[in-house]
Amino acid sequence: RPYEKWDRFLDYNLNNTVCVAFLIDGTNSMRFYIESVSKTCSQIARYCNSKGKQNQFFYGAVIYRDYAYTRLIKPGHEDRNEYFNFSKKINDLEKFLKGIVVGGGGGDGPEDWLSGYQDMLQLNWKKMGAKVVIHIADAPGHGTMFSGVESDMDDEHDEKFPLVVKEAAEKGILFHCICGNYKAMKSFKKTKQIYEDAGGKYFKIEQMDDSNMKELENTI
């Protein structure tokens, strides 16, 4: 076949794409984390390119807040998530993150991990190649088994959130999670359990607190 070599090149090229998505809580307490990711974008790109010169890297992001709760208490003024579809241009991701205005949240503690995961799964993932999510949060997700809070809404999240976690595992998405507050650890651990039970291959949780906050940029 005259195009056999080209076909093999395309197969190799597609298999060596790497999509890296930042999934970040966008409420007020997360300002430092979002600014840290924004400031390290160029370093992230240099590091990725130096460690995987044979790969093509694409960068995306989802900033979630608390749509689930605010739609109940502030109908018509509920929180909205923001997203940045995958692009090779990490400078555009940096601009996106610099333009994020932190805020929102329902004041009830947990945030809406469900809508964050749903939006993350809707990004323009490449069909082939590696898929990585860096999830940064300092508040738990809704759902009694994730936060301990009991309500009809939390029952809904107990039912729906495991489904999107399983979908992420089935898509082969790998997770590196940064827990910015001990209150979020229960959610991360429960999510990891669901993910691994669904056959997920990699889900690491790293704790960040006041004692090692300066190491955040190196961790990212």
N, C-alpha and C. Protein backbone atom coordinates (compact mmCIF):
# COMPACT_ATOMS: atom_id res chain seq x y z
N ARG A 1 0.84 -1.21 0.00
CA ARG A 1 0.00 0.00 0.00
C ARG A 1 0.87 1.24 0.00
N PRO A 2 0.59 2.21 -0.86
CA PRO A 2 1.46 3.38 -0.96
C PRO A 2 1.46 4.24 0.29
N TYR A 3 0.36 4.19 1.10
CA TYR A 3 0.28 5.07 2.26
C TYR A 3 0.51 4.32 3.56
N GLU A 4 1.07 3.09 3.46
CA GLU A 4 1.23 2.27 4.65
C GLU A 4 2.14 2.94 5.68
N LYS A 5 3.25 3.49 5.21
CA LYS A 5 4.17 4.15 6.14
C LYS A 5 3.50 5.35 6.80
N TRP A 6 2.73 6.09 6.03
CA TRP A 6 2.04 7.26 6.57
C TRP A 6 1.01 6.85 7.61
N ASP A 7 0.30 5.74 7.33
CA ASP A 7 -0.68 5.23 8.29
C ASP A 7 -0.01 4.86 9.60
N ARG A 8 1.15 4.20 9.52
CA ARG A 8 1.87 3.82 10.73
C ARG A 8 2.31 5.05 11.50
N PHE A 9 2.72 6.09 10.75
CA PHE A 9 3.13 7.33 11.40
C PHE A 9 1.95 7.97 12.14
N LEU A 10 0.77 7.97 11.48
CA LEU A 10 -0.40 8.56 12.11
C LEU A 10 -0.78 7.79 13.37
N ASP A 11 -0.74 6.45 13.29
CA ASP A 11 -1.07 5.62 14.46
C ASP A 11 -0.11 5.92 15.60
N TYR A 12 1.18 6.02 15.28
CA TYR A 12 2.18 6.32 16.32
C TYR A 12 1.93 7.69 16.90
N ASN A 13 1.66 8.66 16.02
CA ASN A 13 1.47 10.04 16.45
C ASN A 13 0.28 10.15 17.39
N LEU A 14 -0.84 9.48 17.04
CA LEU A 14 -2.04 9.54 17.86
C LEU A 14 -1.82 8.87 19.20
N ASN A 15 -1.10 7.76 19.20
CA ASN A 15 -0.85 7.03 20.44
C ASN A 15 0.06 7.80 21.39
N ASN A 16 0.78 8.76 20.87
CA ASN A 16 1.71 9.53 21.69
C ASN A 16 1.22 10.93 21.99
N THR A 17 -0.08 11.12 21.91
CA THR A 17 -0.65 12.38 22.39
C THR A 17 -0.92 12.24 23.90
N VAL A 18 -0.77 13.34 24.60
CA VAL A 18 -1.03 13.37 26.04
C VAL A 18 -1.92 14.57 26.33
N CYS A 19 -3.11 14.31 26.86
CA CYS A 19 -4.03 15.38 27.26
C CYS A 19 -3.93 15.57 28.77
N VAL A 20 -3.64 16.79 29.19
CA VAL A 20 -3.52 17.11 30.61
C VAL A 20 -4.58 18.14 30.96
N ALA A 21 -5.52 17.76 31.83
CA ALA A 21 -6.61 18.68 32.21
C ALA A 21 -6.49 19.04 33.68
N PHE A 22 -6.62 20.32 33.97
CA PHE A 22 -6.67 20.80 35.34
C PHE A 22 -8.14 20.94 35.74
N LEU A 23 -8.52 20.26 36.81
CA LEU A 23 -9.88 20.32 37.35
C LEU A 23 -9.77 21.00 38.71
N ILE A 24 -10.26 22.25 38.80
CA ILE A 24 -9.97 23.07 39.97
C ILE A 24 -11.23 23.70 40.54
N ASP A 25 -11.39 23.59 41.85
CA ASP A 25 -12.43 24.32 42.58
C ASP A 25 -12.16 25.82 42.41
N GLY A 26 -13.18 26.56 41.97
CA GLY A 26 -12.97 27.98 41.67
C GLY A 26 -13.54 28.93 42.69
N THR A 27 -13.82 28.45 43.91
CA THR A 27 -14.37 29.34 44.95
C THR A 27 -13.27 30.15 45.62
N ASN A 28 -13.65 31.08 46.49
CA ASN A 28 -12.73 32.10 47.01
C ASN A 28 -11.44 31.55 47.61
N SER A 29 -11.54 30.47 48.37
CA SER A 29 -10.36 29.96 49.08
C SER A 29 -9.32 29.36 48.15
N MET A 30 -9.68 29.22 46.86
CA MET A 30 -8.78 28.56 45.91
C MET A 30 -7.95 29.53 45.08
N ARG A 31 -8.01 30.81 45.42
CA ARG A 31 -7.28 31.81 44.64
C ARG A 31 -5.80 31.45 44.50
N PHE A 32 -5.16 31.06 45.60
CA PHE A 32 -3.73 30.76 45.58
C PHE A 32 -3.42 29.61 44.62
N TYR A 33 -4.26 28.60 44.63
CA TYR A 33 -4.01 27.43 43.79
C TYR A 33 -4.14 27.77 42.31
N ILE A 34 -5.17 28.52 41.96
CA ILE A 34 -5.37 28.89 40.56
C ILE A 34 -4.22 29.78 40.08
N GLU A 35 -3.82 30.73 40.91
CA GLU A 35 -2.69 31.60 40.55
C GLU A 35 -1.41 30.79 40.41
N SER A 36 -1.22 29.78 41.26
CA SER A 36 -0.01 28.95 41.19
C SER A 36 0.04 28.17 39.89
N VAL A 37 -1.10 27.59 39.49
CA VAL A 37 -1.13 26.86 38.22
C VAL A 37 -0.86 27.82 37.07
N SER A 38 -1.49 28.98 37.11
CA SER A 38 -1.29 29.97 36.05
C SER A 38 0.17 30.38 35.93
N LYS A 39 0.82 30.62 37.07
CA LYS A 39 2.22 31.06 37.06
C LYS A 39 3.18 29.98 36.60
N THR A 40 2.78 28.73 36.74
CA THR A 40 3.70 27.64 36.39
C THR A 40 3.40 27.02 35.03
N CYS A 41 2.49 27.60 34.26
CA CYS A 41 2.12 27.02 32.97
C CYS A 41 3.34 26.80 32.07
N SER A 42 4.17 27.81 31.94
CA SER A 42 5.33 27.67 31.06
C SER A 42 6.29 26.61 31.58
N GLN A 43 6.43 26.53 32.91
CA GLN A 43 7.30 25.50 33.50
C GLN A 43 6.73 24.11 33.24
N ILE A 44 5.41 23.99 33.35
CA ILE A 44 4.76 22.70 33.09
C ILE A 44 5.04 22.26 31.65
N ALA A 45 4.88 23.18 30.71
CA ALA A 45 5.11 22.85 29.31
C ALA A 45 6.55 22.43 29.07
N ARG A 46 7.51 23.18 29.63
CA ARG A 46 8.93 22.84 29.45
C ARG A 46 9.23 21.47 30.04
N TYR A 47 8.68 21.21 31.22
CA TYR A 47 8.92 19.92 31.87
C TYR A 47 8.34 18.77 31.03
N CYS A 48 7.11 18.93 30.59
CA CYS A 48 6.47 17.88 29.79
C CYS A 48 7.25 17.62 28.51
N ASN A 49 7.65 18.68 27.84
CA ASN A 49 8.38 18.54 26.59
C ASN A 49 9.75 17.92 26.78
N SER A 50 10.40 18.20 27.91
CA SER A 50 11.73 17.64 28.16
C SER A 50 11.65 16.16 28.53
N LYS A 51 10.58 15.76 29.20
CA LYS A 51 10.43 14.37 29.63
C LYS A 51 9.79 13.47 28.57
N GLY A 52 9.12 14.09 27.62
CA GLY A 52 8.43 13.29 26.59
C GLY A 52 8.53 13.96 25.23
N LYS A 53 9.74 14.04 24.71
CA LYS A 53 9.95 14.76 23.46
C LYS A 53 9.22 14.10 22.29
N GLN A 54 8.91 12.80 22.44
CA GLN A 54 8.21 12.09 21.37
C GLN A 54 6.71 12.30 21.43
N ASN A 55 6.23 12.98 22.47
CA ASN A 55 4.80 13.16 22.68
C ASN A 55 4.30 14.53 22.25
N GLN A 56 3.02 14.59 21.94
CA GLN A 56 2.34 15.86 21.71
C GLN A 56 1.46 16.14 22.92
N PHE A 57 1.66 17.28 23.57
CA PHE A 57 0.90 17.61 24.77
C PHE A 57 -0.21 18.61 24.45
N PHE A 58 -1.38 18.33 25.04
CA PHE A 58 -2.53 19.23 24.94
C PHE A 58 -2.99 19.56 26.36
N TYR A 59 -3.36 20.81 26.59
CA TYR A 59 -3.70 21.27 27.94
C TYR A 59 -5.12 21.83 27.96
N GLY A 60 -5.85 21.46 29.02
CA GLY A 60 -7.21 21.96 29.18
C GLY A 60 -7.51 22.23 30.65
N ALA A 61 -8.70 22.75 30.93
CA ALA A 61 -9.05 23.06 32.32
C ALA A 61 -10.55 23.16 32.49
N VAL A 62 -10.99 22.82 33.70
CA VAL A 62 -12.37 23.06 34.13
C VAL A 62 -12.31 23.70 35.51
N ILE A 63 -13.01 24.81 35.66
CA ILE A 63 -13.13 25.49 36.95
C ILE A 63 -14.58 25.29 37.40
N TYR A 64 -14.76 24.57 38.49
CA TYR A 64 -16.12 24.30 38.97
C TYR A 64 -16.36 25.02 40.29
N ARG A 65 -17.62 25.21 40.60
CA ARG A 65 -17.98 25.90 41.84
C ARG A 65 -19.08 25.08 42.55
N ASP A 66 -20.26 25.66 42.75
CA ASP A 66 -21.33 24.90 43.41
C ASP A 66 -22.67 25.16 42.74
N TYR A 67 -22.75 24.76 41.49
CA TYR A 67 -24.01 24.90 40.75
C TYR A 67 -25.14 24.16 41.45
N ALA A 68 -24.85 22.95 41.95
CA ALA A 68 -25.90 22.10 42.51
C ALA A 68 -26.66 22.77 43.64
N TYR A 69 -25.93 23.42 44.54
CA TYR A 69 -26.58 24.02 45.71
C TYR A 69 -27.11 25.42 45.40
N THR A 70 -26.35 26.20 44.64
CA THR A 70 -26.77 27.58 44.38
C THR A 70 -28.01 27.63 43.48
N ARG A 71 -28.24 26.60 42.67
CA ARG A 71 -29.47 26.60 41.86
C ARG A 71 -30.71 26.44 42.74
N LEU A 72 -30.51 25.91 43.95
CA LEU A 72 -31.62 25.75 44.88
C LEU A 72 -31.86 27.01 45.71
N ILE A 73 -30.76 27.66 46.11
CA ILE A 73 -30.90 28.81 47.00
C ILE A 73 -30.88 30.15 46.26
N LYS A 74 -30.35 30.14 45.01
CA LYS A 74 -30.29 31.38 44.23
C LYS A 74 -30.72 31.11 42.79
N PRO A 75 -31.93 30.63 42.57
CA PRO A 75 -32.36 30.33 41.20
C PRO A 75 -32.26 31.55 40.30
N GLY A 76 -31.65 31.32 39.15
CA GLY A 76 -31.42 32.43 38.22
C GLY A 76 -30.08 33.10 38.44
N HIS A 77 -29.44 32.83 39.57
CA HIS A 77 -28.12 33.41 39.87
C HIS A 77 -27.16 32.32 40.35
N GLU A 78 -27.38 31.12 39.85
CA GLU A 78 -26.56 30.00 40.30
C GLU A 78 -25.13 30.10 39.76
N ASP A 79 -24.21 29.41 40.45
CA ASP A 79 -22.82 29.36 40.00
C ASP A 79 -22.73 28.73 38.62
N ARG A 80 -21.76 29.18 37.87
CA ARG A 80 -21.48 28.60 36.56
C ARG A 80 -20.04 28.12 36.50
N ASN A 81 -19.83 26.97 35.91
CA ASN A 81 -18.48 26.47 35.70
C ASN A 81 -17.87 27.13 34.47
N GLU A 82 -16.56 27.09 34.39
CA GLU A 82 -15.84 27.62 33.22
C GLU A 82 -14.89 26.54 32.73
N TYR A 83 -14.67 26.50 31.41
CA TYR A 83 -13.78 25.46 30.89
C TYR A 83 -12.93 25.99 29.75
N PHE A 84 -11.83 25.29 29.53
CA PHE A 84 -10.89 25.61 28.45
C PHE A 84 -10.59 24.30 27.74
N ASN A 85 -11.02 24.17 26.49
CA ASN A 85 -10.82 22.94 25.75
C ASN A 85 -9.34 22.72 25.43
N PHE A 86 -8.98 21.46 25.17
CA PHE A 86 -7.58 21.11 24.97
C PHE A 86 -6.96 21.87 23.81
N SER A 87 -5.75 22.34 24.08
CA SER A 87 -4.99 23.08 23.09
C SER A 87 -3.50 22.85 23.34
N LYS A 88 -2.72 22.90 22.27
CA LYS A 88 -1.27 22.82 22.42
C LYS A 88 -0.70 24.12 22.97
N LYS A 89 -1.49 25.18 22.88
CA LYS A 89 -0.99 26.51 23.25
C LYS A 89 -1.20 26.74 24.75
N ILE A 90 -0.18 26.39 25.52
CA ILE A 90 -0.32 26.53 26.98
C ILE A 90 -0.39 27.99 27.39
N ASN A 91 0.09 28.89 26.53
CA ASN A 91 -0.04 30.32 26.84
C ASN A 91 -1.51 30.74 26.88
N ASP A 92 -2.33 30.08 26.06
CA ASP A 92 -3.76 30.37 26.08
C ASP A 92 -4.40 29.85 27.37
N LEU A 93 -3.92 28.70 27.85
CA LEU A 93 -4.40 28.20 29.14
C LEU A 93 -4.03 29.18 30.25
N GLU A 94 -2.81 29.70 30.18
CA GLU A 94 -2.37 30.67 31.18
C GLU A 94 -3.27 31.90 31.18
N LYS A 95 -3.61 32.40 30.00
CA LYS A 95 -4.51 33.56 29.90
C LYS A 95 -5.88 33.23 30.48
N PHE A 96 -6.37 32.04 30.18
CA PHE A 96 -7.67 31.60 30.71
C PHE A 96 -7.66 31.61 32.23
N LEU A 97 -6.64 31.03 32.83
CA LEU A 97 -6.57 30.95 34.29
C LEU A 97 -6.40 32.32 34.92
N LYS A 98 -5.63 33.19 34.27
CA LYS A 98 -5.46 34.54 34.80
C LYS A 98 -6.77 35.33 34.77
N GLY A 99 -7.66 34.94 33.87
CA GLY A 99 -8.94 35.64 33.76
C GLY A 99 -10.02 35.10 34.69
N ILE A 100 -9.71 34.04 35.42
CA ILE A 100 -10.70 33.47 36.32
C ILE A 100 -10.90 34.38 37.54
N VAL A 101 -12.14 34.69 37.83
CA VAL A 101 -12.48 35.45 39.03
C VAL A 101 -13.02 34.44 40.04
N VAL A 102 -12.26 34.23 41.10
CA VAL A 102 -12.70 33.24 42.09
C VAL A 102 -13.94 33.76 42.81
N GLY A 103 -14.78 32.84 43.23
CA GLY A 103 -16.00 33.23 43.93
C GLY A 103 -17.06 32.17 43.79
N GLY A 104 -18.22 32.45 44.33
CA GLY A 104 -19.31 31.50 44.28
C GLY A 104 -19.27 30.55 45.45
N GLY A 105 -19.93 29.43 45.29
CA GLY A 105 -20.09 28.49 46.39
C GLY A 105 -21.36 28.82 47.15
N GLY A 106 -21.93 27.79 47.75
CA GLY A 106 -23.19 27.99 48.44
C GLY A 106 -23.07 28.29 49.91
N GLY A 107 -21.81 28.30 50.43
CA GLY A 107 -21.61 28.57 51.85
C GLY A 107 -21.96 27.40 52.74
N ASP A 108 -22.17 26.23 52.13
CA ASP A 108 -22.56 25.06 52.91
C ASP A 108 -21.41 24.09 53.15
N GLY A 109 -20.22 24.41 52.63
CA GLY A 109 -19.07 23.54 52.80
C GLY A 109 -18.71 22.81 51.53
N PRO A 110 -19.45 21.76 51.15
CA PRO A 110 -19.12 21.01 49.94
C PRO A 110 -19.33 21.84 48.67
N GLU A 111 -18.62 21.45 47.62
CA GLU A 111 -18.80 22.06 46.30
C GLU A 111 -19.28 20.99 45.33
N ASP A 112 -19.53 21.40 44.10
CA ASP A 112 -20.19 20.53 43.14
C ASP A 112 -19.17 19.75 42.29
N TRP A 113 -18.62 18.70 42.87
CA TRP A 113 -17.68 17.85 42.13
C TRP A 113 -18.37 17.19 40.94
N LEU A 114 -19.66 16.89 41.08
CA LEU A 114 -20.38 16.20 40.00
C LEU A 114 -20.34 17.01 38.71
N SER A 115 -20.72 18.28 38.77
CA SER A 115 -20.71 19.09 37.55
C SER A 115 -19.29 19.30 37.04
N GLY A 116 -18.31 19.35 37.96
CA GLY A 116 -16.92 19.48 37.55
C GLY A 116 -16.47 18.27 36.74
N TYR A 117 -16.78 17.08 37.24
CA TYR A 117 -16.43 15.86 36.52
C TYR A 117 -17.19 15.77 35.20
N GLN A 118 -18.47 16.14 35.22
CA GLN A 118 -19.26 16.08 33.98
C GLN A 118 -18.65 16.98 32.92
N ASP A 119 -18.28 18.20 33.30
CA ASP A 119 -17.67 19.12 32.33
C ASP A 119 -16.30 18.63 31.90
N MET A 120 -15.54 18.04 32.82
CA MET A 120 -14.23 17.50 32.48
C MET A 120 -14.36 16.39 31.43
N LEU A 121 -15.35 15.52 31.59
CA LEU A 121 -15.55 14.43 30.63
C LEU A 121 -15.99 14.95 29.27
N GLN A 122 -16.59 16.16 29.23
CA GLN A 122 -17.07 16.73 27.98
C GLN A 122 -16.00 17.52 27.23
N LEU A 123 -14.81 17.66 27.79
CA LEU A 123 -13.73 18.33 27.08
C LEU A 123 -13.41 17.55 25.80
N ASN A 124 -12.70 18.19 24.87
CA ASN A 124 -12.40 17.57 23.58
C ASN A 124 -11.19 16.63 23.68
N TRP A 125 -11.35 15.57 24.51
CA TRP A 125 -10.29 14.58 24.68
C TRP A 125 -9.93 13.93 23.34
N LYS A 126 -8.66 13.67 23.15
CA LYS A 126 -8.23 12.91 21.97
C LYS A 126 -8.59 11.45 22.19
N LYS A 127 -9.01 10.79 21.14
CA LYS A 127 -9.47 9.40 21.29
C LYS A 127 -8.36 8.47 21.72
N MET A 128 -7.15 8.74 21.24
CA MET A 128 -6.02 7.87 21.57
C MET A 128 -5.00 8.65 22.40
N GLY A 129 -4.06 7.95 23.00
CA GLY A 129 -3.04 8.59 23.80
C GLY A 129 -3.42 8.64 25.27
N ALA A 130 -2.54 9.24 26.06
CA ALA A 130 -2.72 9.30 27.51
C ALA A 130 -3.65 10.44 27.89
N LYS A 131 -4.40 10.21 28.97
CA LYS A 131 -5.34 11.21 29.48
C LYS A 131 -5.07 11.39 30.97
N VAL A 132 -4.77 12.62 31.38
CA VAL A 132 -4.39 12.91 32.76
C VAL A 132 -5.23 14.07 33.29
N VAL A 133 -5.73 13.91 34.53
CA VAL A 133 -6.44 14.99 35.21
C VAL A 133 -5.69 15.34 36.49
N ILE A 134 -5.44 16.63 36.69
CA ILE A 134 -4.89 17.12 37.95
C ILE A 134 -6.03 17.84 38.66
N HIS A 135 -6.57 17.18 39.69
CA HIS A 135 -7.72 17.72 40.42
C HIS A 135 -7.22 18.40 41.69
N ILE A 136 -7.53 19.69 41.83
CA ILE A 136 -7.08 20.47 42.98
C ILE A 136 -8.32 21.00 43.71
N ALA A 137 -8.45 20.64 44.99
CA ALA A 137 -9.65 21.05 45.74
C ALA A 137 -9.32 21.16 47.22
N ASP A 138 -10.01 22.08 47.90
CA ASP A 138 -9.86 22.19 49.35
C ASP A 138 -11.20 21.99 50.06
N ALA A 139 -12.24 21.61 49.29
CA ALA A 139 -13.56 21.34 49.87
C ALA A 139 -14.07 20.03 49.30
N PRO A 140 -14.83 19.29 50.10
CA PRO A 140 -15.36 18.01 49.62
C PRO A 140 -16.43 18.20 48.56
N GLY A 141 -16.81 17.11 47.93
CA GLY A 141 -17.92 17.13 47.00
C GLY A 141 -19.23 16.85 47.73
N HIS A 142 -20.35 17.22 47.11
CA HIS A 142 -21.65 16.89 47.68
C HIS A 142 -21.85 15.38 47.67
N GLY A 143 -22.74 14.91 48.54
CA GLY A 143 -23.02 13.49 48.67
C GLY A 143 -22.71 13.05 50.08
N THR A 144 -23.63 12.35 50.71
CA THR A 144 -23.44 11.93 52.10
C THR A 144 -22.19 11.09 52.25
N MET A 145 -21.92 10.20 51.30
CA MET A 145 -20.74 9.35 51.44
C MET A 145 -19.44 10.09 51.10
N PHE A 146 -19.56 11.29 50.56
CA PHE A 146 -18.38 12.07 50.23
C PHE A 146 -18.10 13.18 51.25
N SER A 147 -19.14 13.73 51.85
CA SER A 147 -18.96 14.85 52.77
C SER A 147 -19.60 14.63 54.13
N GLY A 148 -20.50 13.65 54.24
CA GLY A 148 -21.20 13.43 55.50
C GLY A 148 -22.48 14.23 55.64
N VAL A 149 -22.75 15.13 54.68
CA VAL A 149 -23.96 15.96 54.72
C VAL A 149 -25.14 15.15 54.18
N GLU A 150 -26.28 15.27 54.83
CA GLU A 150 -27.47 14.52 54.41
C GLU A 150 -28.56 15.46 53.91
N SER A 151 -29.02 15.22 52.69
CA SER A 151 -30.14 15.97 52.10
C SER A 151 -30.58 15.25 50.85
N ASP A 152 -31.72 15.65 50.28
CA ASP A 152 -32.17 15.04 49.03
C ASP A 152 -31.14 15.27 47.93
N MET A 153 -30.56 16.48 47.89
CA MET A 153 -29.56 16.78 46.87
C MET A 153 -28.34 15.89 47.04
N ASP A 154 -27.93 15.67 48.30
CA ASP A 154 -26.76 14.83 48.54
C ASP A 154 -27.04 13.38 48.17
N ASP A 155 -28.27 12.92 48.37
CA ASP A 155 -28.65 11.58 47.93
C ASP A 155 -28.50 11.46 46.42
N GLU A 156 -28.86 12.53 45.70
CA GLU A 156 -28.74 12.55 44.24
C GLU A 156 -27.28 12.42 43.83
N HIS A 157 -26.41 13.13 44.53
CA HIS A 157 -24.99 13.08 44.20
C HIS A 157 -24.39 11.73 44.56
N ASP A 158 -24.86 11.11 45.64
CA ASP A 158 -24.41 9.76 45.98
C ASP A 158 -24.72 8.78 44.85
N GLU A 159 -25.81 9.04 44.14
CA GLU A 159 -26.21 8.17 43.04
C GLU A 159 -25.47 8.49 41.75
N LYS A 160 -25.34 9.78 41.44
CA LYS A 160 -24.81 10.18 40.13
C LYS A 160 -23.29 10.31 40.07
N PHE A 161 -22.66 10.76 41.16
CA PHE A 161 -21.22 11.00 41.08
C PHE A 161 -20.42 9.72 40.82
N PRO A 162 -20.74 8.59 41.48
CA PRO A 162 -20.00 7.36 41.16
C PRO A 162 -20.06 6.98 39.68
N LEU A 163 -21.16 7.33 39.01
CA LEU A 163 -21.29 6.99 37.60
C LEU A 163 -20.28 7.74 36.74
N VAL A 164 -20.04 9.03 37.05
CA VAL A 164 -19.08 9.78 36.24
C VAL A 164 -17.64 9.37 36.59
N VAL A 165 -17.42 8.97 37.85
CA VAL A 165 -16.09 8.46 38.22
C VAL A 165 -15.80 7.17 37.46
N LYS A 166 -16.79 6.30 37.37
CA LYS A 166 -16.62 5.05 36.63
C LYS A 166 -16.39 5.33 35.15
N GLU A 167 -17.08 6.33 34.60
CA GLU A 167 -16.87 6.69 33.20
C GLU A 167 -15.44 7.17 32.97
N ALA A 168 -14.92 7.95 33.91
CA ALA A 168 -13.55 8.42 33.79
C ALA A 168 -12.57 7.24 33.83
N ALA A 169 -12.83 6.27 34.72
CA ALA A 169 -11.97 5.08 34.79
C ALA A 169 -12.02 4.30 33.49
N GLU A 170 -13.21 4.15 32.93
CA GLU A 170 -13.37 3.39 31.68
C GLU A 170 -12.70 4.09 30.50
N LYS A 171 -12.62 5.40 30.54
CA LYS A 171 -11.95 6.16 29.48
C LYS A 171 -10.43 6.11 29.62
N GLY A 172 -9.95 5.52 30.72
CA GLY A 172 -8.51 5.42 30.94
C GLY A 172 -7.88 6.68 31.46
N ILE A 173 -8.67 7.57 32.05
CA ILE A 173 -8.13 8.82 32.59
C ILE A 173 -7.36 8.53 33.88
N LEU A 174 -6.18 9.11 33.99
CA LEU A 174 -5.33 8.98 35.18
C LEU A 174 -5.49 10.23 36.03
N PHE A 175 -5.46 10.08 37.35
CA PHE A 175 -5.71 11.21 38.25
C PHE A 175 -4.54 11.44 39.20
N HIS A 176 -4.13 12.70 39.26
CA HIS A 176 -3.21 13.15 40.31
C HIS A 176 -3.96 14.25 41.06
N CYS A 177 -4.27 14.00 42.33
CA CYS A 177 -5.13 14.91 43.08
C CYS A 177 -4.34 15.63 44.16
N ILE A 178 -4.61 16.92 44.30
CA ILE A 178 -3.97 17.74 45.33
C ILE A 178 -5.06 18.21 46.29
N CYS A 179 -4.99 17.71 47.51
CA CYS A 179 -5.98 17.99 48.55
C CYS A 179 -5.49 19.17 49.39
N GLY A 180 -6.17 20.32 49.27
CA GLY A 180 -5.71 21.53 49.93
C GLY A 180 -6.23 21.72 51.34
N ASN A 181 -7.06 20.80 51.81
CA ASN A 181 -7.61 20.90 53.17
C ASN A 181 -8.09 19.52 53.58
N TYR A 182 -7.87 19.18 54.85
CA TYR A 182 -8.24 17.86 55.33
C TYR A 182 -9.72 17.54 55.11
N LYS A 183 -10.55 18.59 55.02
CA LYS A 183 -11.99 18.37 54.84
C LYS A 183 -12.31 17.72 53.50
N ALA A 184 -11.43 17.88 52.54
CA ALA A 184 -11.67 17.30 51.21
C ALA A 184 -11.15 15.87 51.10
N MET A 185 -10.37 15.42 52.08
CA MET A 185 -9.72 14.12 51.96
C MET A 185 -10.72 12.97 51.87
N LYS A 186 -11.82 13.04 52.62
CA LYS A 186 -12.81 11.96 52.56
C LYS A 186 -13.34 11.79 51.15
N SER A 187 -13.61 12.91 50.48
CA SER A 187 -14.12 12.85 49.11
C SER A 187 -13.09 12.24 48.16
N PHE A 188 -11.84 12.66 48.31
CA PHE A 188 -10.80 12.12 47.45
C PHE A 188 -10.64 10.61 47.65
N LYS A 189 -10.65 10.18 48.92
CA LYS A 189 -10.46 8.76 49.20
C LYS A 189 -11.63 7.92 48.68
N LYS A 190 -12.85 8.42 48.86
CA LYS A 190 -14.01 7.68 48.37
C LYS A 190 -14.02 7.63 46.84
N THR A 191 -13.64 8.74 46.22
CA THR A 191 -13.55 8.78 44.76
C THR A 191 -12.51 7.78 44.26
N LYS A 192 -11.38 7.73 44.93
CA LYS A 192 -10.33 6.78 44.56
C LYS A 192 -10.84 5.34 44.65
N GLN A 193 -11.58 5.03 45.70
CA GLN A 193 -12.12 3.68 45.88
C GLN A 193 -13.05 3.30 44.72
N ILE A 194 -13.96 4.23 44.36
CA ILE A 194 -14.90 3.97 43.26
C ILE A 194 -14.14 3.81 41.96
N TYR A 195 -13.16 4.67 41.74
CA TYR A 195 -12.34 4.65 40.52
C TYR A 195 -11.59 3.33 40.38
N GLU A 196 -10.95 2.89 41.46
CA GLU A 196 -10.18 1.66 41.40
C GLU A 196 -11.08 0.43 41.28
N ASP A 197 -12.25 0.47 41.93
CA ASP A 197 -13.21 -0.63 41.79
C ASP A 197 -13.70 -0.76 40.35
N ALA A 198 -13.69 0.36 39.63
CA ALA A 198 -14.13 0.36 38.23
C ALA A 198 -12.99 0.02 37.27
N GLY A 199 -11.82 -0.30 37.81
CA GLY A 199 -10.69 -0.69 36.97
C GLY A 199 -9.75 0.43 36.62
N GLY A 200 -9.90 1.59 37.27
CA GLY A 200 -9.00 2.71 37.01
C GLY A 200 -7.56 2.37 37.35
N LYS A 201 -6.62 2.92 36.58
CA LYS A 201 -5.23 2.49 36.68
C LYS A 201 -4.36 3.36 37.60
N TYR A 202 -4.72 4.62 37.79
CA TYR A 202 -3.83 5.49 38.58
C TYR A 202 -4.65 6.60 39.21
N PHE A 203 -4.59 6.69 40.54
CA PHE A 203 -5.29 7.75 41.26
C PHE A 203 -4.46 8.06 42.51
N LYS A 204 -3.68 9.12 42.43
CA LYS A 204 -2.81 9.50 43.55
C LYS A 204 -3.37 10.74 44.24
N ILE A 205 -3.32 10.74 45.57
CA ILE A 205 -3.77 11.89 46.35
C ILE A 205 -2.59 12.45 47.12
N GLU A 206 -2.37 13.74 46.98
CA GLU A 206 -1.28 14.40 47.69
C GLU A 206 -1.86 15.49 48.59
N GLN A 207 -1.49 15.47 49.86
CA GLN A 207 -2.01 16.44 50.83
C GLN A 207 -1.18 17.70 50.81
N MET A 208 -1.86 18.84 50.75
CA MET A 208 -1.20 20.14 50.87
C MET A 208 -1.81 20.87 52.06
N ASP A 209 -0.96 21.51 52.85
CA ASP A 209 -1.47 22.32 53.96
C ASP A 209 -0.50 23.48 54.17
N ASP A 210 -0.69 24.23 55.25
CA ASP A 210 0.12 25.42 55.48
C ASP A 210 1.61 25.10 55.59
N SER A 211 1.93 23.88 56.03
CA SER A 211 3.34 23.54 56.25
C SER A 211 4.09 23.29 54.95
N ASN A 212 3.40 22.89 53.91
CA ASN A 212 4.10 22.60 52.64
C ASN A 212 3.50 23.34 51.45
N MET A 213 2.76 24.41 51.73
CA MET A 213 2.09 25.15 50.66
C MET A 213 3.09 25.70 49.64
N LYS A 214 4.30 26.06 50.11
CA LYS A 214 5.29 26.62 49.20
C LYS A 214 5.76 25.60 48.17
N GLU A 215 5.51 24.33 48.43
CA GLU A 215 5.94 23.28 47.51
C GLU A 215 4.90 23.02 46.42
N LEU A 216 3.79 23.75 46.47
CA LEU A 216 2.71 23.49 45.51
C LEU A 216 3.17 23.60 44.08
N GLU A 217 3.88 24.67 43.75
CA GLU A 217 4.29 24.87 42.36
C GLU A 217 5.18 23.74 41.90
N ASN A 218 6.09 23.26 42.76
CA ASN A 218 6.93 22.13 42.39
C ASN A 218 6.10 20.86 42.21
N THR A 219 5.08 20.70 43.06
CA THR A 219 4.21 19.53 42.96
C THR A 219 3.46 19.51 41.65
N ILE A 220 2.91 20.66 41.28
CA ILE A 220 2.19 20.75 39.99
C ILE A 220 3.15 20.47 38.85
